[in-house]
């Protein structure tokens, strides 16, 4: 029985080694691989464009954040300086009406 199985296996291997893959089947396989490569190239291009767009958005947001942060810091410094200047004038006022006028002027400018 084992000899019969061995002979059948040898016969199948002999037939398989002599059998050619039909040209049509190879052509279909080659066409499928070419289409897969093209689809992959298109996908890669789309991913790269998306990554570039995302990078541009992030860079713009970062730039805008820097501008806003700088403006906030500049305004805080200007407001602090203005308040200190007003406080200095107030402490030098010799009368209450003069201090009230200085305070009113300061409030009108803010």
Foldseek 3Di string as FASTA:
>chain_A
DVVVVVVVVVVVVVVVVPDDDDPVVVVVVVVVVVVVVVVVVVVVVVVVVVVVVVVVVVVVVVVVVVVVVVVVVVVVVVVVVLVVVLVVLLVPDPDPVSNVVSVVVSVVVD
